[in-house]
Each structure stands twice: as C-alpha cells, then as structure tokens.
Amino acid sequence: MELGYQKIERYDEACVEELAVHYKAILQLLGEDPSREGLIKSPERIAKAMLFLTNGYDLAPEDILRTAIFHEDYKQMVVVKDIELYSLCEHHMLPFVGKAHVAYIPNGTIVGLSKIPRVVDAFARRLQVQERLTKQIKDCIQEVLNPLGVAVVIEAQHMCMSMRGVQKQNSVTTTSDFTGAFLNSPKTREEFMHIIGVNLM
C-alpha cells in the first residue's frame, strides 16, 4: 500500500478552463505577467477555488434536511451554535467569515444535527449578503420541519469593510431572524440569546 497524500478534486473541466481564461485576462489587466513562474497555474487555481466557494448553487438545502428527519416527541429548544461560516459578499466578491447560531423547537419531528451546519454551508457558499443568508436559513428550516419556532443569529466580519472602504478591522456585523415561539415569546428568545452568548440590546 502506497502511503502519502492523494488529492481528489471533481470539477467541471470545461467550466474551469473557461473561467481560467478570464482570470488570466484579469491578471494582465491588473498589470501582472500570467506567464511568470508564480502565476502560471494561478488562473486554474482561482477558477477551482471560486467553484468550490460557490458550490452552494449546486446544493438543495431543503433536500439536505429531508434526508434525516425523525419522529420524536420532544418540544424543547434544540440549539446548534458556533457553526463556522465562510461566504462571499456579492457586492465585492470578498469573503465574510464568522459563525451562525441556529435553534428550533420541534413539533413532532427532529432533524439530524449535522444537517443544520450543512444547510448553513449550502446557503453560505453562494454570492451573498448576510441579511439574506440569515433569512434563507430560517425559512428553510421552518418550511421543511414546520417547528414551533426557528431562531438564526449570524455574527461575521466582512473583508470589504476590513481590507477596503472604511478599513475597520475589528467590526462585527450581527443579524438575526425569528419565527414562532422565538418571535412571539420574549422569554424564549432571551433563553436562546443567553445560550449562544449574544446580546442584541
């Protein structure tokens, strides 16, 4: 048995090739020489990176949830917090990174816990704005599970604010969206916010 690292990648080669042509042109327009040693393979690498970072377009978040739904008589809060999140701002195509906190109150059915981070990834790996991302995660869980309530809070740092524009390196943007018990019951919402350690006041 041969030991070592085997890199396995699956990309649409025609798409990679076409994207690489454009990225090569971009490098030239920026004043670079795409033929120099460090950049020879960069157009292809960038193309593959962008396809990976936007592979959420090929995923169906609702179907992800439906693969692991179980009947269970549990009606207390289920919280998955500190879900790592990486996305691209659609305005500048620069990254925003942070964490998502998701909760729901079951109404006869629960979902496998790993599916919630997968849903976050499926929506995050698209060109996004944080506000829409927050709502999409909430709507997906509410639609598929029909729980008594859903809560989503996202905290993220945006490179378009840190690296350019106002250049504020330590600013964090927080967005939230709620349905059902989280929306109508301040006590339920406060319990969730206490669990995740976020203060929206």
N, C-alpha and C. Protein backbone atom coordinates (compact mmCIF):
# COMPACT_ATOMS: atom_id res chain seq x y z
N MET A 1 0.85 -1.20 0.00
CA MET A 1 0.00 0.00 0.00
C MET A 1 0.88 1.24 0.00
N GLU A 2 0.64 2.12 -0.94
CA GLU A 2 1.44 3.34 -1.05
C GLU A 2 0.92 4.38 -0.08
N LEU A 3 1.81 4.91 0.74
CA LEU A 3 1.43 5.93 1.70
C LEU A 3 1.65 7.30 1.10
N GLY A 4 0.88 8.26 1.58
CA GLY A 4 1.06 9.62 1.10
C GLY A 4 -0.27 10.32 0.94
N TYR A 5 -0.20 11.53 0.42
CA TYR A 5 -1.38 12.38 0.27
C TYR A 5 -1.91 12.27 -1.15
N GLN A 6 -3.16 11.94 -1.27
CA GLN A 6 -3.79 11.88 -2.59
C GLN A 6 -4.87 12.94 -2.66
N LYS A 7 -4.69 13.86 -3.57
CA LYS A 7 -5.65 14.95 -3.71
C LYS A 7 -6.73 14.55 -4.70
N ILE A 8 -7.98 14.59 -4.24
CA ILE A 8 -9.10 14.22 -5.09
C ILE A 8 -9.98 15.46 -5.30
N GLU A 9 -10.09 15.89 -6.55
CA GLU A 9 -10.93 17.03 -6.88
C GLU A 9 -11.84 16.66 -8.05
N ARG A 10 -13.07 17.13 -7.98
CA ARG A 10 -14.01 16.89 -9.07
C ARG A 10 -14.60 18.23 -9.50
N TYR A 11 -14.23 18.66 -10.68
CA TYR A 11 -14.71 19.93 -11.21
C TYR A 11 -15.17 19.73 -12.66
N ASP A 12 -16.05 20.60 -13.08
CA ASP A 12 -16.42 20.63 -14.49
C ASP A 12 -15.25 21.25 -15.24
N GLU A 13 -14.50 20.40 -15.94
CA GLU A 13 -13.26 20.85 -16.57
C GLU A 13 -13.50 21.95 -17.60
N ALA A 14 -14.62 21.87 -18.33
CA ALA A 14 -14.92 22.90 -19.32
C ALA A 14 -15.15 24.25 -18.63
N CYS A 15 -15.82 24.22 -17.50
CA CYS A 15 -16.08 25.45 -16.74
C CYS A 15 -14.78 26.01 -16.17
N VAL A 16 -13.93 25.12 -15.63
CA VAL A 16 -12.63 25.55 -15.10
C VAL A 16 -11.81 26.22 -16.20
N GLU A 17 -11.78 25.60 -17.36
CA GLU A 17 -10.99 26.13 -18.47
C GLU A 17 -11.48 27.50 -18.91
N GLU A 18 -12.80 27.67 -18.99
CA GLU A 18 -13.34 28.96 -19.42
C GLU A 18 -13.09 30.04 -18.37
N LEU A 19 -13.30 29.70 -17.09
CA LEU A 19 -13.03 30.67 -16.02
C LEU A 19 -11.56 31.06 -16.01
N ALA A 20 -10.68 30.08 -16.21
CA ALA A 20 -9.24 30.36 -16.17
C ALA A 20 -8.84 31.36 -17.24
N VAL A 21 -9.46 31.30 -18.40
CA VAL A 21 -9.17 32.27 -19.47
C VAL A 21 -9.47 33.69 -18.99
N HIS A 22 -10.59 33.84 -18.31
CA HIS A 22 -10.99 35.17 -17.81
C HIS A 22 -10.07 35.64 -16.69
N TYR A 23 -9.69 34.72 -15.80
CA TYR A 23 -8.80 35.12 -14.71
C TYR A 23 -7.41 35.48 -15.23
N LYS A 24 -6.97 34.83 -16.28
CA LYS A 24 -5.69 35.19 -16.90
C LYS A 24 -5.76 36.61 -17.44
N ALA A 25 -6.89 36.93 -18.08
CA ALA A 25 -7.07 38.29 -18.60
C ALA A 25 -7.12 39.32 -17.47
N ILE A 26 -7.75 38.94 -16.35
CA ILE A 26 -7.81 39.85 -15.20
C ILE A 26 -6.41 40.13 -14.67
N LEU A 27 -5.59 39.09 -14.56
CA LEU A 27 -4.21 39.28 -14.09
C LEU A 27 -3.46 40.24 -15.00
N GLN A 28 -3.65 40.10 -16.29
CA GLN A 28 -2.99 41.00 -17.24
C GLN A 28 -3.49 42.44 -17.07
N LEU A 29 -4.78 42.61 -16.89
CA LEU A 29 -5.36 43.95 -16.71
C LEU A 29 -4.87 44.60 -15.42
N LEU A 30 -4.55 43.78 -14.42
CA LEU A 30 -4.03 44.31 -13.16
C LEU A 30 -2.55 44.68 -13.25
N GLY A 31 -1.92 44.37 -14.38
CA GLY A 31 -0.51 44.71 -14.58
C GLY A 31 0.44 43.58 -14.28
N GLU A 32 -0.10 42.37 -14.10
CA GLU A 32 0.74 41.22 -13.80
C GLU A 32 1.12 40.49 -15.09
N ASP A 33 2.08 39.60 -14.94
CA ASP A 33 2.52 38.75 -16.05
C ASP A 33 2.09 37.31 -15.75
N PRO A 34 1.00 36.85 -16.34
CA PRO A 34 0.49 35.50 -16.05
C PRO A 34 1.45 34.38 -16.45
N SER A 35 2.50 34.72 -17.20
CA SER A 35 3.43 33.68 -17.64
C SER A 35 4.60 33.50 -16.68
N ARG A 36 4.69 34.35 -15.65
CA ARG A 36 5.80 34.18 -14.71
C ARG A 36 5.54 32.97 -13.81
N GLU A 37 6.60 32.43 -13.23
CA GLU A 37 6.54 31.14 -12.54
C GLU A 37 5.43 31.06 -11.50
N GLY A 38 5.31 32.07 -10.66
CA GLY A 38 4.34 32.01 -9.57
C GLY A 38 2.90 32.10 -10.02
N LEU A 39 2.66 32.53 -11.27
CA LEU A 39 1.29 32.75 -11.72
C LEU A 39 0.86 31.82 -12.85
N ILE A 40 1.74 30.95 -13.31
CA ILE A 40 1.42 30.12 -14.47
C ILE A 40 0.13 29.33 -14.25
N LYS A 41 -0.02 28.74 -13.08
CA LYS A 41 -1.20 27.92 -12.82
C LYS A 41 -2.27 28.65 -12.00
N SER A 42 -2.02 29.92 -11.69
CA SER A 42 -2.97 30.66 -10.85
C SER A 42 -4.36 30.79 -11.46
N PRO A 43 -4.52 31.09 -12.75
CA PRO A 43 -5.89 31.19 -13.29
C PRO A 43 -6.71 29.91 -13.06
N GLU A 44 -6.08 28.76 -13.22
CA GLU A 44 -6.80 27.50 -12.98
C GLU A 44 -7.10 27.32 -11.50
N ARG A 45 -6.12 27.66 -10.65
CA ARG A 45 -6.33 27.53 -9.20
C ARG A 45 -7.47 28.44 -8.74
N ILE A 46 -7.47 29.68 -9.24
CA ILE A 46 -8.53 30.63 -8.85
C ILE A 46 -9.89 30.12 -9.31
N ALA A 47 -9.93 29.60 -10.53
CA ALA A 47 -11.19 29.08 -11.07
C ALA A 47 -11.74 27.97 -10.17
N LYS A 48 -10.88 27.03 -9.77
CA LYS A 48 -11.31 25.93 -8.92
C LYS A 48 -11.73 26.44 -7.53
N ALA A 49 -10.99 27.42 -7.02
CA ALA A 49 -11.34 27.99 -5.72
C ALA A 49 -12.72 28.63 -5.77
N MET A 50 -12.99 29.38 -6.83
CA MET A 50 -14.29 30.04 -6.93
C MET A 50 -15.42 29.04 -7.10
N LEU A 51 -15.18 27.96 -7.84
CA LEU A 51 -16.21 26.93 -7.98
C LEU A 51 -16.49 26.26 -6.65
N PHE A 52 -15.44 26.06 -5.85
CA PHE A 52 -15.65 25.47 -4.52
C PHE A 52 -16.42 26.44 -3.61
N LEU A 53 -16.03 27.70 -3.63
CA LEU A 53 -16.65 28.69 -2.74
C LEU A 53 -18.09 29.02 -3.12
N THR A 54 -18.48 28.65 -4.32
CA THR A 54 -19.86 28.91 -4.75
C THR A 54 -20.61 27.62 -5.08
N ASN A 55 -20.15 26.50 -4.52
CA ASN A 55 -20.82 25.23 -4.85
C ASN A 55 -22.18 25.09 -4.20
N GLY A 56 -22.58 26.07 -3.41
CA GLY A 56 -23.93 26.06 -2.84
C GLY A 56 -25.02 26.14 -3.88
N TYR A 57 -24.68 26.69 -5.05
CA TYR A 57 -25.67 26.75 -6.12
C TYR A 57 -26.07 25.35 -6.60
N ASP A 58 -25.21 24.37 -6.38
CA ASP A 58 -25.49 23.00 -6.81
C ASP A 58 -26.17 22.18 -5.72
N LEU A 59 -26.41 22.78 -4.56
CA LEU A 59 -26.99 22.06 -3.43
C LEU A 59 -28.43 22.49 -3.19
N ALA A 60 -29.25 21.57 -2.72
CA ALA A 60 -30.64 21.86 -2.37
C ALA A 60 -30.78 21.74 -0.85
N PRO A 61 -30.73 22.85 -0.13
CA PRO A 61 -30.75 22.79 1.34
C PRO A 61 -31.98 22.06 1.90
N GLU A 62 -33.12 22.23 1.26
CA GLU A 62 -34.33 21.55 1.74
C GLU A 62 -34.15 20.04 1.67
N ASP A 63 -33.55 19.57 0.59
CA ASP A 63 -33.33 18.13 0.46
C ASP A 63 -32.33 17.61 1.48
N ILE A 64 -31.35 18.44 1.84
CA ILE A 64 -30.38 18.06 2.87
C ILE A 64 -31.10 17.76 4.18
N LEU A 65 -32.04 18.61 4.55
CA LEU A 65 -32.79 18.38 5.79
C LEU A 65 -33.66 17.13 5.69
N ARG A 66 -34.27 16.94 4.53
CA ARG A 66 -35.22 15.83 4.38
C ARG A 66 -34.55 14.46 4.46
N THR A 67 -33.25 14.40 4.33
CA THR A 67 -32.56 13.10 4.38
C THR A 67 -32.45 12.56 5.80
N ALA A 68 -32.74 13.38 6.81
CA ALA A 68 -32.54 12.91 8.19
C ALA A 68 -33.60 13.48 9.13
N ILE A 69 -34.86 13.26 8.81
CA ILE A 69 -35.96 13.70 9.66
C ILE A 69 -36.50 12.50 10.43
N PHE A 70 -36.67 12.69 11.74
CA PHE A 70 -37.13 11.59 12.60
C PHE A 70 -38.29 12.06 13.47
N HIS A 71 -39.24 11.17 13.69
CA HIS A 71 -40.37 11.49 14.57
C HIS A 71 -39.91 11.34 16.02
N GLU A 72 -40.14 12.39 16.78
CA GLU A 72 -39.72 12.38 18.19
C GLU A 72 -40.59 13.35 18.97
N ASP A 73 -41.07 12.89 20.13
CA ASP A 73 -41.91 13.72 20.99
C ASP A 73 -41.03 14.57 21.90
N TYR A 74 -40.40 15.57 21.33
CA TYR A 74 -39.52 16.46 22.09
C TYR A 74 -39.86 17.88 21.69
N LYS A 75 -40.19 18.71 22.69
CA LYS A 75 -40.65 20.06 22.38
C LYS A 75 -39.86 21.12 23.14
N GLN A 76 -38.59 20.82 23.39
CA GLN A 76 -37.71 21.81 23.99
C GLN A 76 -36.76 22.34 22.91
N MET A 77 -36.07 23.39 23.26
CA MET A 77 -35.20 24.04 22.29
C MET A 77 -34.02 23.16 21.90
N VAL A 78 -33.74 23.11 20.61
CA VAL A 78 -32.55 22.45 20.08
C VAL A 78 -31.66 23.54 19.49
N VAL A 79 -30.44 23.66 20.00
CA VAL A 79 -29.55 24.73 19.58
C VAL A 79 -28.25 24.16 19.02
N VAL A 80 -27.87 24.61 17.84
CA VAL A 80 -26.55 24.32 17.28
C VAL A 80 -25.86 25.67 17.12
N LYS A 81 -24.84 25.91 17.94
CA LYS A 81 -24.22 27.23 17.93
C LYS A 81 -22.77 27.15 17.45
N ASP A 82 -22.24 28.32 17.15
CA ASP A 82 -20.84 28.47 16.72
C ASP A 82 -20.53 27.65 15.46
N ILE A 83 -21.46 27.67 14.52
CA ILE A 83 -21.23 26.99 13.24
C ILE A 83 -20.33 27.89 12.38
N GLU A 84 -19.14 27.39 12.04
CA GLU A 84 -18.23 28.19 11.22
C GLU A 84 -18.88 28.53 9.88
N LEU A 85 -18.67 29.76 9.46
CA LEU A 85 -19.35 30.24 8.26
C LEU A 85 -18.37 31.00 7.38
N TYR A 86 -18.34 30.65 6.11
CA TYR A 86 -17.49 31.33 5.13
C TYR A 86 -18.34 31.62 3.90
N SER A 87 -18.39 32.88 3.51
CA SER A 87 -19.19 33.24 2.35
C SER A 87 -18.50 34.36 1.58
N LEU A 88 -19.09 34.71 0.43
CA LEU A 88 -18.56 35.79 -0.40
C LEU A 88 -19.61 36.89 -0.53
N CYS A 89 -19.22 38.10 -0.20
CA CYS A 89 -20.10 39.25 -0.37
C CYS A 89 -20.37 39.46 -1.86
N GLU A 90 -21.63 39.59 -2.23
CA GLU A 90 -21.95 39.72 -3.65
C GLU A 90 -21.60 41.10 -4.22
N HIS A 91 -21.33 42.06 -3.36
CA HIS A 91 -21.02 43.41 -3.85
C HIS A 91 -19.57 43.54 -4.32
N HIS A 92 -18.64 42.88 -3.62
CA HIS A 92 -17.22 42.99 -3.98
C HIS A 92 -16.56 41.63 -4.19
N MET A 93 -17.31 40.55 -3.97
CA MET A 93 -16.78 39.19 -4.04
C MET A 93 -15.58 39.02 -3.14
N LEU A 94 -15.62 39.66 -1.97
CA LEU A 94 -14.64 39.46 -0.92
C LEU A 94 -15.29 38.62 0.17
N PRO A 95 -14.49 37.88 0.94
CA PRO A 95 -15.07 36.98 1.95
C PRO A 95 -15.70 37.72 3.12
N PHE A 96 -16.72 37.11 3.69
CA PHE A 96 -17.10 37.44 5.07
C PHE A 96 -17.15 36.13 5.84
N VAL A 97 -16.60 36.17 7.05
CA VAL A 97 -16.42 34.95 7.84
C VAL A 97 -16.96 35.17 9.25
N GLY A 98 -17.44 34.12 9.85
CA GLY A 98 -17.95 34.25 11.20
C GLY A 98 -18.58 32.96 11.67
N LYS A 99 -19.69 33.10 12.40
CA LYS A 99 -20.36 31.92 12.94
C LYS A 99 -21.86 32.14 12.95
N ALA A 100 -22.56 31.03 12.77
CA ALA A 100 -24.02 31.04 12.81
C ALA A 100 -24.50 30.27 14.02
N HIS A 101 -25.57 30.76 14.62
CA HIS A 101 -26.23 30.07 15.73
C HIS A 101 -27.66 29.78 15.30
N VAL A 102 -28.05 28.51 15.37
CA VAL A 102 -29.37 28.11 14.87
C VAL A 102 -30.10 27.31 15.94
N ALA A 103 -31.37 27.63 16.12
CA ALA A 103 -32.19 26.88 17.08
C ALA A 103 -33.57 26.64 16.50
N TYR A 104 -34.19 25.55 16.94
CA TYR A 104 -35.60 25.31 16.59
C TYR A 104 -36.26 24.55 17.73
N ILE A 105 -37.57 24.67 17.79
CA ILE A 105 -38.36 23.93 18.79
C ILE A 105 -39.20 22.91 18.03
N PRO A 106 -38.88 21.62 18.18
CA PRO A 106 -39.55 20.58 17.38
C PRO A 106 -41.06 20.54 17.61
N ASN A 107 -41.74 20.12 16.57
CA ASN A 107 -43.19 19.95 16.63
C ASN A 107 -43.55 18.56 16.11
N GLY A 108 -42.96 17.54 16.76
CA GLY A 108 -43.22 16.17 16.36
C GLY A 108 -42.11 15.54 15.56
N THR A 109 -41.21 16.37 14.99
CA THR A 109 -40.09 15.82 14.23
C THR A 109 -38.81 16.57 14.58
N ILE A 110 -37.69 15.84 14.54
CA ILE A 110 -36.37 16.44 14.72
C ILE A 110 -35.54 16.12 13.49
N VAL A 111 -34.39 16.78 13.38
CA VAL A 111 -33.52 16.55 12.23
C VAL A 111 -32.12 16.19 12.75
N GLY A 112 -31.42 15.34 12.00
CA GLY A 112 -30.05 15.00 12.38
C GLY A 112 -29.22 16.27 12.53
N LEU A 113 -28.49 16.38 13.62
CA LEU A 113 -27.81 17.63 13.96
C LEU A 113 -26.81 18.09 12.91
N SER A 114 -26.16 17.15 12.23
CA SER A 114 -25.16 17.55 11.23
C SER A 114 -25.79 18.24 10.03
N LYS A 115 -27.10 18.06 9.85
CA LYS A 115 -27.75 18.66 8.68
C LYS A 115 -27.88 20.17 8.80
N ILE A 116 -27.93 20.68 10.02
CA ILE A 116 -28.07 22.13 10.18
C ILE A 116 -26.82 22.87 9.72
N PRO A 117 -25.62 22.46 10.13
CA PRO A 117 -24.43 23.10 9.55
C PRO A 117 -24.34 22.92 8.03
N ARG A 118 -24.81 21.79 7.53
CA ARG A 118 -24.79 21.58 6.07
C ARG A 118 -25.71 22.57 5.36
N VAL A 119 -26.84 22.86 5.97
CA VAL A 119 -27.76 23.86 5.40
C VAL A 119 -27.10 25.24 5.41
N VAL A 120 -26.44 25.56 6.51
CA VAL A 120 -25.72 26.84 6.59
C VAL A 120 -24.70 26.94 5.46
N ASP A 121 -23.92 25.87 5.26
CA ASP A 121 -22.92 25.86 4.19
C ASP A 121 -23.56 26.00 2.81
N ALA A 122 -24.67 25.31 2.60
CA ALA A 122 -25.31 25.32 1.29
C ALA A 122 -25.74 26.73 0.88
N PHE A 123 -26.21 27.51 1.84
CA PHE A 123 -26.59 28.89 1.53
C PHE A 123 -25.39 29.83 1.55
N ALA A 124 -24.42 29.55 2.42
CA ALA A 124 -23.27 30.44 2.54
C ALA A 124 -22.36 30.37 1.31
N ARG A 125 -22.27 29.20 0.69
CA ARG A 125 -21.38 29.04 -0.46
C ARG A 125 -22.07 29.49 -1.74
N ARG A 126 -22.51 30.72 -1.69
CA ARG A 126 -23.10 31.42 -2.83
C ARG A 126 -22.69 32.89 -2.68
N LEU A 127 -22.88 33.68 -3.71
CA LEU A 127 -22.69 35.12 -3.53
C LEU A 127 -23.83 35.60 -2.64
N GLN A 128 -23.49 36.29 -1.55
CA GLN A 128 -24.49 36.54 -0.52
C GLN A 128 -24.39 37.95 0.05
N VAL A 129 -25.45 38.31 0.76
CA VAL A 129 -25.41 39.37 1.77
C VAL A 129 -25.84 38.70 3.07
N GLN A 130 -25.32 39.16 4.18
CA GLN A 130 -25.56 38.48 5.46
C GLN A 130 -27.03 38.46 5.83
N GLU A 131 -27.73 39.55 5.50
CA GLU A 131 -29.14 39.63 5.85
C GLU A 131 -29.94 38.53 5.14
N ARG A 132 -29.70 38.35 3.84
CA ARG A 132 -30.42 37.33 3.09
C ARG A 132 -30.06 35.94 3.57
N LEU A 133 -28.78 35.72 3.84
CA LEU A 133 -28.31 34.42 4.32
C LEU A 133 -29.04 34.02 5.60
N THR A 134 -29.18 34.96 6.52
CA THR A 134 -29.87 34.70 7.78
C THR A 134 -31.31 34.26 7.54
N LYS A 135 -31.98 34.98 6.66
CA LYS A 135 -33.39 34.67 6.37
C LYS A 135 -33.53 33.35 5.63
N GLN A 136 -32.63 33.05 4.71
CA GLN A 136 -32.74 31.80 3.95
C GLN A 136 -32.61 30.58 4.85
N ILE A 137 -31.67 30.63 5.79
CA ILE A 137 -31.50 29.51 6.73
C ILE A 137 -32.77 29.33 7.56
N LYS A 138 -33.29 30.44 8.07
CA LYS A 138 -34.51 30.39 8.89
C LYS A 138 -35.67 29.83 8.10
N ASP A 139 -35.89 30.36 6.89
CA ASP A 139 -37.03 29.94 6.08
C ASP A 139 -36.96 28.46 5.70
N CYS A 140 -35.75 27.99 5.40
CA CYS A 140 -35.57 26.59 5.01
C CYS A 140 -35.97 25.65 6.14
N ILE A 141 -35.49 25.91 7.34
CA ILE A 141 -35.79 25.06 8.49
C ILE A 141 -37.27 25.12 8.83
N GLN A 142 -37.84 26.33 8.77
CA GLN A 142 -39.27 26.48 9.07
C GLN A 142 -40.13 25.73 8.07
N GLU A 143 -39.78 25.82 6.80
CA GLU A 143 -40.58 25.19 5.75
C GLU A 143 -40.52 23.66 5.81
N VAL A 144 -39.33 23.12 6.04
CA VAL A 144 -39.16 21.67 5.97
C VAL A 144 -39.62 20.98 7.26
N LEU A 145 -39.26 21.54 8.41
CA LEU A 145 -39.57 20.87 9.68
C LEU A 145 -40.89 21.31 10.29
N ASN A 146 -41.38 22.49 9.89
CA ASN A 146 -42.59 23.06 10.49
C ASN A 146 -42.52 23.03 12.02
N PRO A 147 -41.44 23.55 12.61
CA PRO A 147 -41.30 23.52 14.07
C PRO A 147 -42.16 24.60 14.73
N LEU A 148 -42.12 24.62 16.05
CA LEU A 148 -42.86 25.64 16.80
C LEU A 148 -42.15 26.99 16.74
N GLY A 149 -40.93 26.99 16.26
CA GLY A 149 -40.19 28.24 16.10
C GLY A 149 -38.78 27.99 15.63
N VAL A 150 -38.22 28.97 14.95
CA VAL A 150 -36.84 28.91 14.48
C VAL A 150 -36.16 30.22 14.84
N ALA A 151 -34.88 30.11 15.23
CA ALA A 151 -34.07 31.30 15.51
C ALA A 151 -32.73 31.16 14.81
N VAL A 152 -32.31 32.21 14.15
CA VAL A 152 -31.00 32.23 13.49
C VAL A 152 -30.31 33.56 13.81
N VAL A 153 -29.08 33.46 14.30
CA VAL A 153 -28.24 34.64 14.53
C VAL A 153 -26.90 34.40 13.85
N ILE A 154 -26.44 35.37 13.08
CA ILE A 154 -25.13 35.28 12.43
C ILE A 154 -24.27 36.46 12.86
N GLU A 155 -23.03 36.15 13.25
CA GLU A 155 -22.03 37.17 13.56
C GLU A 155 -20.88 37.00 12.58
N ALA A 156 -20.52 38.06 11.86
CA ALA A 156 -19.49 37.90 10.84
C ALA A 156 -18.67 39.17 10.66
N GLN A 157 -17.44 38.96 10.24
CA GLN A 157 -16.56 40.05 9.84
C GLN A 157 -16.47 40.07 8.32
N HIS A 158 -16.58 41.25 7.75
CA HIS A 158 -16.62 41.41 6.30
C HIS A 158 -15.32 42.03 5.81
N MET A 159 -14.65 41.31 4.92
CA MET A 159 -13.38 41.80 4.39
C MET A 159 -13.55 43.07 3.56
N CYS A 160 -14.76 43.29 3.02
CA CYS A 160 -14.99 44.53 2.27
C CYS A 160 -14.98 45.74 3.19
N MET A 161 -15.17 45.52 4.49
CA MET A 161 -15.04 46.60 5.47
C MET A 161 -13.65 46.65 6.09
N SER A 162 -13.01 45.48 6.20
CA SER A 162 -11.71 45.41 6.87
C SER A 162 -10.56 45.77 5.95
N MET A 163 -10.61 45.31 4.69
CA MET A 163 -9.48 45.47 3.78
C MET A 163 -9.60 46.69 2.88
N ARG A 164 -10.82 47.18 2.68
CA ARG A 164 -11.03 48.33 1.81
C ARG A 164 -12.11 49.21 2.44
N GLY A 165 -12.57 50.21 1.73
CA GLY A 165 -13.65 51.06 2.26
C GLY A 165 -13.24 51.73 3.56
N VAL A 166 -14.01 51.50 4.62
CA VAL A 166 -13.74 52.17 5.90
C VAL A 166 -12.57 51.54 6.65
N GLN A 167 -12.13 50.36 6.25
CA GLN A 167 -10.97 49.68 6.84
C GLN A 167 -11.05 49.57 8.37
N LYS A 168 -12.15 49.04 8.84
CA LYS A 168 -12.36 48.81 10.27
C LYS A 168 -12.19 47.33 10.55
N GLN A 169 -11.00 46.95 11.05
CA GLN A 169 -10.62 45.55 11.15
C GLN A 169 -11.40 44.76 12.20
N ASN A 170 -11.89 45.43 13.22
CA ASN A 170 -12.50 44.69 14.33
C ASN A 170 -14.02 44.77 14.37
N SER A 171 -14.63 45.31 13.34
CA SER A 171 -16.09 45.43 13.35
C SER A 171 -16.74 44.08 13.05
N VAL A 172 -17.82 43.80 13.77
CA VAL A 172 -18.57 42.56 13.60
C VAL A 172 -20.02 42.93 13.30
N THR A 173 -20.58 42.30 12.28
CA THR A 173 -21.98 42.53 11.92
C THR A 173 -22.82 41.37 12.44
N THR A 174 -23.90 41.70 13.14
CA THR A 174 -24.80 40.69 13.70
C THR A 174 -26.18 40.83 13.07
N THR A 175 -26.71 39.73 12.55
CA THR A 175 -28.06 39.71 12.01
C THR A 175 -28.85 38.60 12.69
N SER A 176 -30.15 38.77 12.77
CA SER A 176 -31.00 37.77 13.42
C SER A 176 -32.34 37.69 12.73
N ASP A 177 -32.97 36.53 12.84
CA ASP A 177 -34.33 36.34 12.31
C ASP A 177 -35.00 35.24 13.12
N PHE A 178 -36.30 35.41 13.37
CA PHE A 178 -37.03 34.51 14.25
C PHE A 178 -38.40 34.18 13.69
N THR A 179 -38.90 33.00 14.06
CA THR A 179 -40.29 32.65 13.77
C THR A 179 -40.91 32.05 15.02
N GLY A 180 -42.23 31.96 15.01
CA GLY A 180 -42.96 31.24 16.05
C GLY A 180 -42.65 31.68 17.47
N ALA A 181 -42.33 30.71 18.32
CA ALA A 181 -42.11 30.99 19.74
C ALA A 181 -40.96 31.96 19.96
N PHE A 182 -39.95 31.91 19.12
CA PHE A 182 -38.81 32.83 19.28
C PHE A 182 -39.21 34.26 18.96
N LEU A 183 -40.18 34.41 18.07
CA LEU A 183 -40.64 35.74 17.68
C LEU A 183 -41.66 36.28 18.67
N ASN A 184 -42.54 35.40 19.15
CA ASN A 184 -43.69 35.84 19.95
C ASN A 184 -43.46 35.79 21.46
N SER A 185 -42.44 35.05 21.89
CA SER A 185 -42.19 34.92 23.33
C SER A 185 -40.82 35.52 23.68
N PRO A 186 -40.80 36.69 24.29
CA PRO A 186 -39.52 37.30 24.69
C PRO A 186 -38.69 36.38 25.58
N LYS A 187 -39.36 35.62 26.44
CA LYS A 187 -38.64 34.73 27.36
C LYS A 187 -37.90 33.64 26.58
N THR A 188 -38.57 33.06 25.57
CA THR A 188 -37.93 32.02 24.76
C THR A 188 -36.76 32.59 23.98
N ARG A 189 -36.97 33.77 23.42
CA ARG A 189 -35.90 34.42 22.66
C ARG A 189 -34.72 34.76 23.55
N GLU A 190 -34.99 35.26 24.74
CA GLU A 190 -33.91 35.60 25.68
C GLU A 190 -33.13 34.36 26.11
N GLU A 191 -33.83 33.23 26.30
CA GLU A 191 -33.14 31.99 26.66
C GLU A 191 -32.17 31.59 25.55
N PHE A 192 -32.61 31.68 24.31
CA PHE A 192 -31.75 31.36 23.17
C PHE A 192 -30.54 32.29 23.13
N MET A 193 -30.77 33.58 23.29
CA MET A 193 -29.67 34.54 23.22
C MET A 193 -28.68 34.31 24.37
N HIS A 194 -29.19 33.91 25.53
CA HIS A 194 -28.31 33.60 26.66
C HIS A 194 -27.45 32.38 26.36
N ILE A 195 -28.05 31.36 25.74
CA ILE A 195 -27.31 30.13 25.43
C ILE A 195 -26.17 30.41 24.46
N ILE A 196 -26.44 31.25 23.45
CA ILE A 196 -25.40 31.49 22.44
C ILE A 196 -24.45 32.63 22.86
N GLY A 197 -24.80 33.33 23.94
CA GLY A 197 -23.91 34.37 24.44
C GLY A 197 -23.88 35.63 23.62
N VAL A 198 -25.03 35.97 23.02
CA VAL A 198 -25.12 37.18 22.20
C VAL A 198 -26.14 38.12 22.80
N ASN A 199 -25.81 39.39 22.82
CA ASN A 199 -26.72 40.41 23.33
C ASN A 199 -27.09 41.35 22.20
N LEU A 200 -28.38 41.34 21.80
CA LEU A 200 -28.83 42.20 20.72
C LEU A 200 -29.31 43.55 21.20
N MET A 201 -29.25 43.79 22.50
CA MET A 201 -29.72 45.08 23.04
C MET A 201 -28.73 46.18 22.67
